PDB file of N, CA and C in Angstrom:
ATOM      1  N   MET A   1     105.556  90.439 116.534  1.00  0.00           N
ATOM      2  CA  MET A   1     105.471  89.987 115.189  1.00  0.00           C
ATOM      3  C   MET A   1     106.865  89.877 114.706  1.00  0.00           C
ATOM      4  N   ASN A   2     107.204  88.720 114.074  1.00  0.00           N
ATOM      5  CA  ASN A   2     108.530  88.569 113.492  1.00  0.00           C
ATOM      6  C   ASN A   2     108.432  88.749 111.954  1.00  0.00           C
ATOM      7  N   LYS A   3     109.576  88.602 111.333  1.00  0.00           N
ATOM      8  CA  LYS A   3     109.622  88.818 109.836  1.00  0.00           C
ATOM      9  C   LYS A   3     108.618  87.932 109.107  1.00  0.00           C
ATOM     10  N   SER A   4     108.592  86.568 109.375  1.00  0.00           N
ATOM     11  CA  SER A   4     107.710  85.667 108.736  1.00  0.00           C
ATOM     12  C   SER A   4     106.260  85.995 108.916  1.00  0.00           C
ATOM     13  N   GLU A   5     105.897  86.408 110.156  1.00  0.00           N
ATOM     14  CA  GLU A   5     104.540  86.835 110.431  1.00  0.00           C
ATOM     15  C   GLU A   5     104.140  88.121 109.692  1.00  0.00           C
ATOM     16  N   LEU A   6     105.104  89.102 109.500  1.00  0.00           N
ATOM     17  CA  LEU A   6     104.966  90.189 108.716  1.00  0.00           C
ATOM     18  C   LEU A   6     104.692  89.892 107.286  1.00  0.00           C
ATOM     19  N   VAL A   7     105.466  88.998 106.629  1.00  0.00           N
ATOM     20  CA  VAL A   7     105.347  88.528 105.323  1.00  0.00           C
ATOM     21  C   VAL A   7     103.986  87.901 105.181  1.00  0.00           C
ATOM     22  N   ASP A   8     103.521  86.992 106.074  1.00  0.00           N
ATOM     23  CA  ASP A   8     102.109  86.548 106.122  1.00  0.00           C
ATOM     24  C   ASP A   8     101.157  87.620 105.965  1.00  0.00           C
ATOM     25  N   ALA A   9     101.267  88.639 106.783  1.00  0.00           N
ATOM     26  CA  ALA A   9     100.302  89.647 106.910  1.00  0.00           C
ATOM     27  C   ALA A   9     100.302  90.463 105.603  1.00  0.00           C
ATOM     28  N   ILE A  10     101.443  90.775 105.034  1.00  0.00           N
ATOM     29  CA  ILE A  10     101.452  91.491 103.819  1.00  0.00           C
ATOM     30  C   ILE A  10     100.887  90.745 102.656  1.00  0.00           C
ATOM     31  N   ALA A  11     101.183  89.391 102.662  1.00  0.00           N
ATOM     32  CA  ALA A  11     100.617  88.512 101.548  1.00  0.00           C
ATOM     33  C   ALA A  11      99.197  88.489 101.690  1.00  0.00           C
ATOM     34  N   ALA A  12      98.572  88.379 102.834  1.00  0.00           N
ATOM     35  CA  ALA A  12      97.209  88.398 103.047  1.00  0.00           C
ATOM     36  C   ALA A  12      96.512  89.682 102.618  1.00  0.00           C
ATOM     37  N   GLY A  13      97.114  90.845 103.122  1.00  0.00           N
ATOM     38  CA  GLY A  13      96.606  92.136 102.834  1.00  0.00           C
ATOM     39  C   GLY A  13      96.652  92.583 101.394  1.00  0.00           C
ATOM     40  N   ALA A  14      97.703  92.125 100.641  1.00  0.00           N
ATOM     41  CA  ALA A  14      97.848  92.565  99.271  1.00  0.00           C
ATOM     42  C   ALA A  14      97.309  91.464  98.299  1.00  0.00           C
ATOM     43  N   ASP A  15      96.852  90.349  98.914  1.00  0.00           N
ATOM     44  CA  ASP A  15      96.311  89.260  98.040  1.00  0.00           C
ATOM     45  C   ASP A  15      97.482  88.701  97.045  1.00  0.00           C
ATOM     46  N   ILE A  16      98.546  88.516  97.562  1.00  0.00           N
ATOM     47  CA  ILE A  16      99.730  87.929  96.785  1.00  0.00           C
ATOM     48  C   ILE A  16     100.308  86.730  97.596  1.00  0.00           C
ATOM     49  N   ASN A  17     101.140  85.997  96.840  1.00  0.00           N
ATOM     50  CA  ASN A  17     101.680  84.828  97.586  1.00  0.00           C
ATOM     51  C   ASN A  17     102.768  85.258  98.575  1.00  0.00           C
ATOM     52  N   LYS A  18     103.220  84.375  99.354  1.00  0.00           N
ATOM     53  CA  LYS A  18     104.219  84.694 100.410  1.00  0.00           C
ATOM     54  C   LYS A  18     105.474  84.935  99.861  1.00  0.00           C
ATOM     55  N   ALA A  19     105.907  84.200  98.790  1.00  0.00           N
ATOM     56  CA  ALA A  19     107.250  84.502  98.188  1.00  0.00           C
ATOM     57  C   ALA A  19     107.353  85.872  97.652  1.00  0.00           C
ATOM     58  N   ALA A  20     106.289  86.296  96.946  1.00  0.00           N
ATOM     59  CA  ALA A  20     106.330  87.759  96.427  1.00  0.00           C
ATOM     60  C   ALA A  20     106.365  88.774  97.567  1.00  0.00           C
ATOM     61  N   ALA A  21     105.569  88.554  98.611  1.00  0.00           N
ATOM     62  CA  ALA A  21     105.560  89.396  99.757  1.00  0.00           C
ATOM     63  C   ALA A  21     106.872  89.388 100.467  1.00  0.00           C
ATOM     64  N   GLY A  22     107.625  88.297 100.566  1.00  0.00           N
ATOM     65  CA  GLY A  22     108.948  88.301 101.118  1.00  0.00           C
ATOM     66  C   GLY A  22     109.955  89.078 100.239  1.00  0.00           C
ATOM     67  N   LYS A  23     109.847  88.936  99.059  1.00  0.00           N
ATOM     68  CA  LYS A  23     110.731  89.702  97.995  1.00  0.00           C
ATOM     69  C   LYS A  23     110.472  91.240  98.132  1.00  0.00           C
ATOM     70  N   ILE A  24     109.238  91.520  98.277  1.00  0.00           N
ATOM     71  CA  ILE A  24     108.863  92.960  98.324  1.00  0.00           C
ATOM     72  C   ILE A  24     109.381  93.582  99.706  1.00  0.00           C
ATOM     73  N   LEU A  25     109.196  92.789 100.750  1.00  0.00           N
ATOM     74  CA  LEU A  25     109.683  93.309 102.061  1.00  0.00           C
ATOM     75  C   LEU A  25     111.189  93.355 102.177  1.00  0.00           C
ATOM     76  N   ASP A  26     111.905  92.416 101.432  1.00  0.00           N
ATOM     77  CA  ASP A  26     113.302  92.423 101.414  1.00  0.00           C
ATOM     78  C   ASP A  26     113.755  93.644 100.585  1.00  0.00           C
ATOM     79  N   ALA A  27     113.243  94.024  99.409  1.00  0.00           N
ATOM     80  CA  ALA A  27     113.535  95.013  98.578  1.00  0.00           C
ATOM     81  C   ALA A  27     113.293  96.412  99.321  1.00  0.00           C
ATOM     82  N   PHE A  28     112.148  96.497 100.123  1.00  0.00           N
ATOM     83  CA  PHE A  28     111.822  97.571 100.895  1.00  0.00           C
ATOM     84  C   PHE A  28     112.851  97.990 101.877  1.00  0.00           C
ATOM     85  N   ILE A  29     113.225  96.919 102.652  1.00  0.00           N
ATOM     86  CA  ILE A  29     114.281  97.094 103.711  1.00  0.00           C
ATOM     87  C   ILE A  29     115.616  97.489 103.099  1.00  0.00           C
ATOM     88  N   ASP A  30     116.029  96.744 101.980  1.00  0.00           N
ATOM     89  CA  ASP A  30     117.331  97.105 101.385  1.00  0.00           C
ATOM     90  C   ASP A  30     117.365  98.457 100.846  1.00  0.00           C
ATOM     91  N   THR A  31     116.293  98.951 100.237  1.00  0.00           N
ATOM     92  CA  THR A  31     116.147 100.333  99.779  1.00  0.00           C
ATOM     93  C   THR A  31     116.350 101.296 100.859  1.00  0.00           C
ATOM     94  N   ILE A  32     115.666 101.202 101.962  1.00  0.00           N
ATOM     95  CA  ILE A  32     115.767 102.088 103.077  1.00  0.00           C
ATOM     96  C   ILE A  32     117.255 102.049 103.657  1.00  0.00           C
ATOM     97  N   ILE A  33     117.862 100.924 103.783  1.00  0.00           N
ATOM     98  CA  ILE A  33     119.200 100.878 104.297  1.00  0.00           C
ATOM     99  C   ILE A  33     120.072 101.481 103.416  1.00  0.00           C
ATOM    100  N   ALA A  34     120.050 101.277 102.064  1.00  0.00           N
ATOM    101  CA  ALA A  34     120.930 101.899 101.075  1.00  0.00           C
ATOM    102  C   ALA A  34     120.817 103.425 101.067  1.00  0.00           C
ATOM    103  N   ALA A  35     119.570 103.921 101.160  1.00  0.00           N
ATOM    104  CA  ALA A  35     119.354 105.366 101.220  1.00  0.00           C
ATOM    105  C   ALA A  35     119.787 106.075 102.456  1.00  0.00           C
ATOM    106  N   VAL A  36     119.632 105.462 103.519  1.00  0.00           N
ATOM    107  CA  VAL A  36     120.094 105.998 104.794  1.00  0.00           C
ATOM    108  C   VAL A  36     121.668 105.914 104.915  1.00  0.00           C
ATOM    109  N   ALA A  37     122.178 104.857 104.362  1.00  0.00           N
ATOM    110  CA  ALA A  37     123.662 104.683 104.496  1.00  0.00           C
ATOM    111  C   ALA A  37     124.347 105.805 103.704  1.00  0.00           C
ATOM    112  N   LYS A  38     123.783 106.219 102.513  1.00  0.00           N
ATOM    113  CA  LYS A  38     124.403 107.189 101.730  1.00  0.00           C
ATOM    114  C   LYS A  38     124.085 108.628 102.205  1.00  0.00           C
ATOM    115  N   GLY A  39     123.342 108.732 103.240  1.00  0.00           N
ATOM    116  CA  GLY A  39     122.908 110.146 103.839  1.00  0.00           C
ATOM    117  C   GLY A  39     121.574 110.680 103.587  1.00  0.00           C
ATOM    118  N   ASP A  40     120.801 109.916 102.852  1.00  0.00           N
ATOM    119  CA  ASP A  40     119.516 110.433 102.465  1.00  0.00           C
ATOM    120  C   ASP A  40     118.482 110.181 103.633  1.00  0.00           C
ATOM    121  N   GLN A  41     117.343 110.892 103.647  1.00  0.00           N
ATOM    122  CA  GLN A  41     116.302 110.630 104.565  1.00  0.00           C
ATOM    123  C   GLN A  41     115.111 110.089 103.855  1.00  0.00           C
ATOM    124  N   VAL A  42     114.533 109.054 104.412  1.00  0.00           N
ATOM    125  CA  VAL A  42     113.372 108.313 103.807  1.00  0.00           C
ATOM    126  C   VAL A  42     112.253 108.631 104.700  1.00  0.00           C
ATOM    127  N   THR A  43     111.200 109.348 104.022  1.00  0.00           N
ATOM    128  CA  THR A  43     109.978 109.853 104.781  1.00  0.00           C
ATOM    129  C   THR A  43     108.877 109.155 104.234  1.00  0.00           C
ATOM    130  N   LEU A  44     108.089 108.460 105.098  1.00  0.00           N
ATOM    131  CA  LEU A  44     106.767 107.816 104.703  1.00  0.00           C
ATOM    132  C   LEU A  44     105.702 108.526 105.574  1.00  0.00           C
ATOM    133  N   VAL A  45     105.044 109.412 104.810  1.00  0.00           N
ATOM    134  CA  VAL A  45     104.070 110.336 105.428  1.00  0.00           C
ATOM    135  C   VAL A  45     103.068 109.508 106.211  1.00  0.00           C
ATOM    136  N   GLY A  46     102.869 109.846 107.450  1.00  0.00           N
ATOM    137  CA  GLY A  46     101.900 109.134 108.406  1.00  0.00           C
ATOM    138  C   GLY A  46     102.558 107.990 109.141  1.00  0.00           C
ATOM    139  N   PHE A  47     103.611 107.556 108.659  1.00  0.00           N
ATOM    140  CA  PHE A  47     104.390 106.308 109.264  1.00  0.00           C
ATOM    141  C   PHE A  47     105.615 106.924 109.970  1.00  0.00           C
ATOM    142  N   GLY A  48     106.487 107.573 109.248  1.00  0.00           N
ATOM    143  CA  GLY A  48     107.633 108.087 109.984  1.00  0.00           C
ATOM    144  C   GLY A  48     108.855 108.284 109.049  1.00  0.00           C
ATOM    145  N   SER A  49     110.052 108.654 109.555  1.00  0.00           N
ATOM    146  CA  SER A  49     111.210 108.968 108.859  1.00  0.00           C
ATOM    147  C   SER A  49     112.373 108.230 109.270  1.00  0.00           C
ATOM    148  N   PHE A  50     113.144 107.735 108.364  1.00  0.00           N
ATOM    149  CA  PHE A  50     114.429 107.060 108.667  1.00  0.00           C
ATOM    150  C   PHE A  50     115.552 107.980 108.165  1.00  0.00           C
ATOM    151  N   LYS A  51     116.613 108.187 108.997  1.00  0.00           N
ATOM    152  CA  LYS A  51     117.690 109.029 108.682  1.00  0.00           C
ATOM    153  C   LYS A  51     118.887 108.671 109.467  1.00  0.00           C
ATOM    154  N   ALA A  52     120.028 109.200 108.982  1.00  0.00           N
ATOM    155  CA  ALA A  52     121.325 108.893 109.702  1.00  0.00           C
ATOM    156  C   ALA A  52     121.569 110.067 110.556  1.00  0.00           C
ATOM    157  N   SER A  53     122.111 109.718 111.743  1.00  0.00           N
ATOM    158  CA  SER A  53     122.421 110.778 112.795  1.00  0.00           C
ATOM    159  C   SER A  53     123.713 110.593 113.393  1.00  0.00           C
ATOM    160  N   THR A  54     124.456 111.694 113.641  1.00  0.00           N
ATOM    161  CA  THR A  54     125.850 111.512 114.091  1.00  0.00           C
ATOM    162  C   THR A  54     125.737 111.548 115.724  1.00  0.00           C
ATOM    163  N   ARG A  55     126.467 110.555 116.261  1.00  0.00           N
ATOM    164  CA  ARG A  55     126.520 110.454 117.753  1.00  0.00           C
ATOM    165  C   ARG A  55     127.981 110.980 118.042  1.00  0.00           C
ATOM    166  N   ALA A  56     128.065 111.989 118.905  1.00  0.00           N
ATOM    167  CA  ALA A  56     129.330 112.574 119.278  1.00  0.00           C
ATOM    168  C   ALA A  56     130.222 111.679 120.183  1.00  0.00           C
ATOM    169  N   ALA A  57     131.484 111.900 120.024  1.00  0.00           N
ATOM    170  CA  ALA A  57     132.461 111.070 120.794  1.00  0.00           C
ATOM    171  C   ALA A  57     132.171 111.389 122.358  1.00  0.00           C
ATOM    172  N   ARG A  58     132.479 110.497 123.131  1.00  0.00           N
ATOM    173  CA  ARG A  58     132.135 110.574 124.591  1.00  0.00           C
ATOM    174  C   ARG A  58     133.037 109.782 125.410  1.00  0.00           C
ATOM    175  N   THR A  59     133.113 109.979 126.714  1.00  0.00           N
ATOM    176  CA  THR A  59     133.720 109.105 127.612  1.00  0.00           C
ATOM    177  C   THR A  59     132.882 108.127 128.179  1.00  0.00           C
ATOM    178  N   GLY A  60     133.262 106.946 128.237  1.00  0.00           N
ATOM    179  CA  GLY A  60     132.503 105.852 128.929  1.00  0.00           C
ATOM    180  C   GLY A  60     133.220 105.144 129.896  1.00  0.00           C
ATOM    181  N   LYS A  61     132.694 104.071 130.470  1.00  0.00           N
ATOM    182  CA  LYS A  61     133.398 103.316 131.617  1.00  0.00           C
ATOM    183  C   LYS A  61     133.246 101.872 131.323  1.00  0.00           C
ATOM    184  N   ASN A  62     134.328 101.270 131.395  1.00  0.00           N
ATOM    185  CA  ASN A  62     134.326  99.769 131.268  1.00  0.00           C
ATOM    186  C   ASN A  62     133.619  99.162 132.531  1.00  0.00           C
ATOM    187  N   PRO A  63     132.519  98.489 132.311  1.00  0.00           N
ATOM    188  CA  PRO A  63     131.727  98.004 133.435  1.00  0.00           C
ATOM    189  C   PRO A  63     132.476  96.979 134.294  1.00  0.00           C
ATOM    190  N   LYS A  64     133.478  96.247 133.638  1.00  0.00           N
ATOM    191  CA  LYS A  64     134.245  95.231 134.370  1.00  0.00           C
ATOM    192  C   LYS A  64     135.274  95.832 135.321  1.00  0.00           C
ATOM    193  N   THR A  65     136.002  96.710 134.718  1.00  0.00           N
ATOM    194  CA  THR A  65     137.095  97.301 135.481  1.00  0.00           C
ATOM    195  C   THR A  65     136.885  98.655 135.982  1.00  0.00           C
ATOM    196  N   GLY A  66     135.985  99.369 135.437  1.00  0.00           N
ATOM    197  CA  GLY A  66     135.643 100.673 135.934  1.00  0.00           C
ATOM    198  C   GLY A  66     136.555 101.706 135.355  1.00  0.00           C
ATOM    199  N   ALA A  67     137.444 101.326 134.456  1.00  0.00           N
ATOM    200  CA  ALA A  67     138.352 102.296 133.720  1.00  0.00           C
ATOM    201  C   ALA A  67     137.617 103.106 132.731  1.00  0.00           C
ATOM    202  N   LYS A  68     138.015 104.347 132.638  1.00  0.00           N
ATOM    203  CA  LYS A  68     137.433 105.265 131.642  1.00  0.00           C
ATOM    204  C   LYS A  68     137.898 104.925 130.175  1.00  0.00           C
ATOM    205  N   ILE A  69     136.975 104.866 129.148  1.00  0.00           N
ATOM    206  CA  ILE A  69     137.420 104.641 127.869  1.00  0.00           C
ATOM    207  C   ILE A  69     136.908 105.632 126.972  1.00  0.00           C
ATOM    208  N   LYS A  70     137.514 105.922 125.818  1.00  0.00           N
ATOM    209  CA  LYS A  70     137.069 106.885 124.876  1.00  0.00           C
ATOM    210  C   LYS A  70     136.222 106.164 123.915  1.00  0.00           C
ATOM    211  N   ILE A  71     134.932 106.681 123.641  1.00  0.00           N
ATOM    212  CA  ILE A  71     133.999 106.037 122.742  1.00  0.00           C
ATOM    213  C   ILE A  71     134.116 106.990 121.374  1.00  0.00           C
ATOM    214  N   PRO A  72     134.486 106.655 120.252  1.00  0.00           N
ATOM    215  CA  PRO A  72     134.560 107.544 119.163  1.00  0.00           C
ATOM    216  C   PRO A  72     133.250 107.888 118.595  1.00  0.00           C
ATOM    217  N   ALA A  73     133.215 109.076 117.863  1.00  0.00           N
ATOM    218  CA  ALA A  73     132.034 109.512 117.223  1.00  0.00           C
ATOM    219  C   ALA A  73     131.668 108.479 116.122  1.00  0.00           C
ATOM    220  N   THR A  74     130.371 108.373 115.891  1.00  0.00           N
ATOM    221  CA  THR A  74     129.895 107.422 114.930  1.00  0.00           C
ATOM    222  C   THR A  74     128.521 107.870 114.343  1.00  0.00           C
ATOM    223  N   THR A  75     128.168 107.330 113.260  1.00  0.00           N
ATOM    224  CA  THR A  75     126.934 107.598 112.594  1.00  0.00           C
ATOM    225  C   THR A  75     125.987 106.395 112.811  1.00  0.00           C
ATOM    226  N   VAL A  76     124.761 106.707 113.322  1.00  0.00           N
ATOM    227  CA  VAL A  76     123.907 105.613 113.592  1.00  0.00           C
ATOM    228  C   VAL A  76     122.458 105.915 112.874  1.00  0.00           C
ATOM    229  N   PRO A  77     121.739 104.984 112.570  1.00  0.00           N
ATOM    230  CA  PRO A  77     120.383 105.197 112.001  1.00  0.00           C
ATOM    231  C   PRO A  77     119.329 105.471 113.046  1.00  0.00           C
ATOM    232  N   ARG A  78     118.388 106.395 112.618  1.00  0.00           N
ATOM    233  CA  ARG A  78     117.411 106.785 113.594  1.00  0.00           C
ATOM    234  C   ARG A  78     116.073 106.734 112.836  1.00  0.00           C
ATOM    235  N   PHE A  79     114.976 106.468 113.637  1.00  0.00           N
ATOM    236  CA  PHE A  79     113.584 106.441 113.163  1.00  0.00           C
ATOM    237  C   PHE A  79     112.712 107.416 114.030  1.00  0.00           C
ATOM    238  N   SER A  80     112.076 108.107 113.343  1.00  0.00           N
ATOM    239  CA  SER A  80     111.127 109.122 113.961  1.00  0.00           C
ATOM    240  C   SER A  80     109.805 108.759 113.579  1.00  0.00           C
ATOM    241  N   ALA A  81     108.887 108.440 114.407  1.00  0.00           N
ATOM    242  CA  ALA A  81     107.457 108.057 114.087  1.00  0.00           C
ATOM    243  C   ALA A  81     106.711 109.310 113.665  1.00  0.00           C
ATOM    244  N   GLY A  82     105.844 109.017 112.668  1.00  0.00           N
ATOM    245  CA  GLY A  82     104.927 109.967 112.180  1.00  0.00           C
ATOM    246  C   GLY A  82     103.690 110.292 113.003  1.00  0.00           C
ATOM    247  N   ALA A  83     102.961 111.300 112.606  1.00  0.00           N
ATOM    248  CA  ALA A  83     101.848 111.606 113.525  1.00  0.00           C
ATOM    249  C   ALA A  83     100.739 110.480 113.446  1.00  0.00           C
ATOM    250  N   GLY A  84     100.573 109.840 112.242  1.00  0.00           N
ATOM    251  CA  GLY A  84      99.509 108.831 112.167  1.00  0.00           C
ATOM    252  C   GLY A  84      99.960 107.612 113.078  1.00  0.00           C
ATOM    253  N   PHE A  85     101.088 107.229 112.918  1.00  0.00           N
ATOM    254  CA  PHE A  85     101.706 106.072 113.738  1.00  0.00           C
ATOM    255  C   PHE A  85     101.559 106.398 115.232  1.00  0.00           C
ATOM    256  N   LYS A  86     101.954 107.603 115.611  1.00  0.00           N
ATOM    257  CA  LYS A  86     101.872 107.938 117.064  1.00  0.00           C
ATOM    258  C   LYS A  86     100.439 107.918 117.613  1.00  0.00           C
ATOM    259  N   ALA A  87      99.556 108.460 116.704  1.00  0.00           N
ATOM    260  CA  ALA A  87      98.098 108.440 117.014  1.00  0.00           C
ATOM    261  C   ALA A  87      97.574 107.089 117.241  1.00  0.00           C
ATOM    262  N   ALA A  88      97.986 106.181 116.329  1.00  0.00           N
ATOM    263  CA  ALA A  88      97.436 104.782 116.415  1.00  0.00           C
ATOM    264  C   ALA A  88      97.872 104.107 117.717  1.00  0.00           C
ATOM    265  N   VAL A  89      99.277 104.389 118.001  1.00  0.00           N
ATOM    266  CA  VAL A  89      99.622 103.708 119.207  1.00  0.00           C
ATOM    267  C   VAL A  89      99.148 104.286 120.485  1.00  0.00           C
ATOM    268  N   ALA A  90      98.912 105.562 120.454  1.00  0.00           N
ATOM    269  CA  ALA A  90      98.307 106.291 121.578  1.00  0.00           C
ATOM    270  C   ALA A  90      96.807 105.794 121.892  1.00  0.00           C
ATOM    271  N   LYS A  91      96.130 105.469 120.751  1.00  0.00           N
ATOM    272  CA  LYS A  91      94.773 105.076 120.847  1.00  0.00           C
ATOM    273  C   LYS A  91      94.638 103.666 121.458  1.00  0.00           C
ATOM    274  N   ARG A  92      95.690 102.858 121.023  1.00  0.00           N
ATOM    275  CA  ARG A  92      95.704 101.451 121.453  1.00  0.00           C
ATOM    276  C   ARG A  92      96.010 101.244 122.920  1.00  0.00           C
ATOM    277  N   LYS A  93      96.777 102.279 123.488  1.00  0.00           N
ATOM    278  CA  LYS A  93      97.090 102.184 124.948  1.00  0.00           C
ATOM    279  C   LYS A  93      96.043 102.544 125.896  1.00  0.00           C
ATOM    280  N   LYS A  94      94.965 103.235 125.428  1.00  0.00           N
ATOM    281  CA  LYS A  94      93.927 103.728 126.235  1.00  0.00           C
ATOM    282  C   LYS A  94      93.047 102.593 126.755  1.00  0.00           C
TER     283      LYS A  94
END
Protein backbone atom coordinates (compact mmCIF):
# COMPACT_ATOMS: atom_id res chain seq x y z
CA MET A 1 0.00 0.00 0.00
CA ASN A 2 1.38 3.38 -0.96
CA LYS A 3 0.44 6.82 0.39
CA SER A 4 -2.37 7.49 -2.09
CA GLU A 5 -3.92 4.09 -1.35
CA LEU A 6 -3.67 4.83 2.37
CA VAL A 7 -5.38 8.19 1.84
CA ASP A 8 -8.16 6.42 -0.08
CA ALA A 9 -8.60 3.90 2.75
CA ILE A 10 -8.68 6.63 5.41
CA ALA A 11 -11.21 8.63 3.38
CA ALA A 12 -13.46 5.59 2.99
CA GLY A 13 -13.11 4.50 6.62
CA ALA A 14 -13.76 7.96 8.07
CA ASP A 15 -16.39 8.93 5.47
CA ILE A 16 -14.50 12.09 4.48
CA ASN A 17 -13.17 13.33 1.17
CA LYS A 18 -9.71 12.40 -0.08
CA ALA A 19 -8.33 15.94 0.27
CA ALA A 20 -9.23 16.05 3.97
CA ALA A 21 -7.83 12.56 4.51
CA GLY A 22 -4.57 13.60 2.83
CA LYS A 23 -4.26 16.67 5.05
CA ILE A 24 -4.95 14.58 8.15
CA LEU A 25 -2.33 12.00 7.17
CA ASP A 26 0.25 14.71 6.40
CA ALA A 27 -0.43 16.43 9.74
CA PHE A 28 -0.16 13.09 11.56
CA ILE A 29 3.19 12.28 9.95
CA ASP A 30 4.57 15.81 10.48
CA THR A 31 3.54 15.74 14.16
CA ILE A 32 5.27 12.41 14.77
CA ILE A 33 8.43 13.56 12.97
CA ALA A 34 8.56 16.82 14.96
CA ALA A 35 8.03 15.08 18.30
CA VAL A 36 10.65 12.37 17.68
CA ALA A 37 13.12 14.94 16.29
CA LYS A 38 12.98 16.89 19.56
CA GLY A 39 13.50 13.72 21.61
CA ASP A 40 9.94 12.85 22.61
CA GLN A 41 8.45 9.38 22.30
CA VAL A 42 5.09 8.98 20.55
CA THR A 43 3.09 5.99 21.81
CA LEU A 44 -0.10 4.78 20.17
CA VAL A 45 -1.48 2.06 22.44
CA GLY A 46 -2.02 -1.17 20.52
CA PHE A 47 -0.17 0.14 17.45
CA GLY A 48 3.35 1.00 18.60
CA SER A 49 5.88 3.59 19.65
CA PHE A 50 8.08 5.98 17.70
CA LYS A 51 11.26 7.22 19.38
CA ALA A 52 14.77 8.46 18.70
CA SER A 53 17.65 6.10 19.39
CA THR A 54 21.39 6.69 19.43
CA ARG A 55 23.55 4.53 17.21
CA ALA A 56 27.11 4.23 18.53
CA ALA A 57 30.17 5.08 16.46
CA ARG A 58 31.68 2.07 14.76
CA THR A 59 34.25 0.98 12.22
CA GLY A 60 32.97 0.00 8.80
CA LYS A 61 34.49 -1.17 5.56
CA ASN A 62 34.38 0.53 2.18
CA PRO A 63 32.89 -2.18 -0.07
CA LYS A 64 34.77 -0.94 -3.13
CA THR A 65 38.27 -0.65 -1.69
CA GLY A 66 38.05 -2.73 1.47
CA ALA A 67 39.54 0.13 3.48
CA LYS A 68 38.36 0.59 7.05
CA ILE A 69 36.36 3.76 7.69
CA LYS A 70 35.05 5.39 10.83
CA ILE A 71 31.26 5.72 10.98
CA PRO A 72 30.29 8.46 13.46
CA ALA A 73 27.61 8.12 16.13
CA THR A 74 24.19 9.29 15.02
CA THR A 75 20.59 9.50 16.16
CA VAL A 76 18.05 7.45 14.20
CA PRO A 77 14.28 7.00 14.42
CA ARG A 78 12.95 3.69 15.75
CA PHE A 79 9.51 2.09 15.66
CA SER A 80 8.49 -0.62 18.07
CA ALA A 81 5.26 -2.44 17.24
CA GLY A 82 2.62 -2.72 19.95
CA ALA A 83 0.97 -5.92 21.15
CA GLY A 84 -2.19 -5.45 19.08
CA PHE A 85 -0.19 -4.84 15.90
CA LYS A 86 2.03 -7.85 16.53
CA ALA A 87 -0.98 -10.06 17.23
CA ALA A 88 -2.75 -8.96 14.03
CA VAL A 89 0.34 -9.68 11.91
CA ALA A 90 0.95 -13.05 13.60
CA LYS A 91 -2.66 -14.09 13.03
CA ARG A 92 -2.41 -13.14 9.35
CA LYS A 93 0.66 -15.32 8.74
CA LYS A 94 -0.97 -18.54 10.00
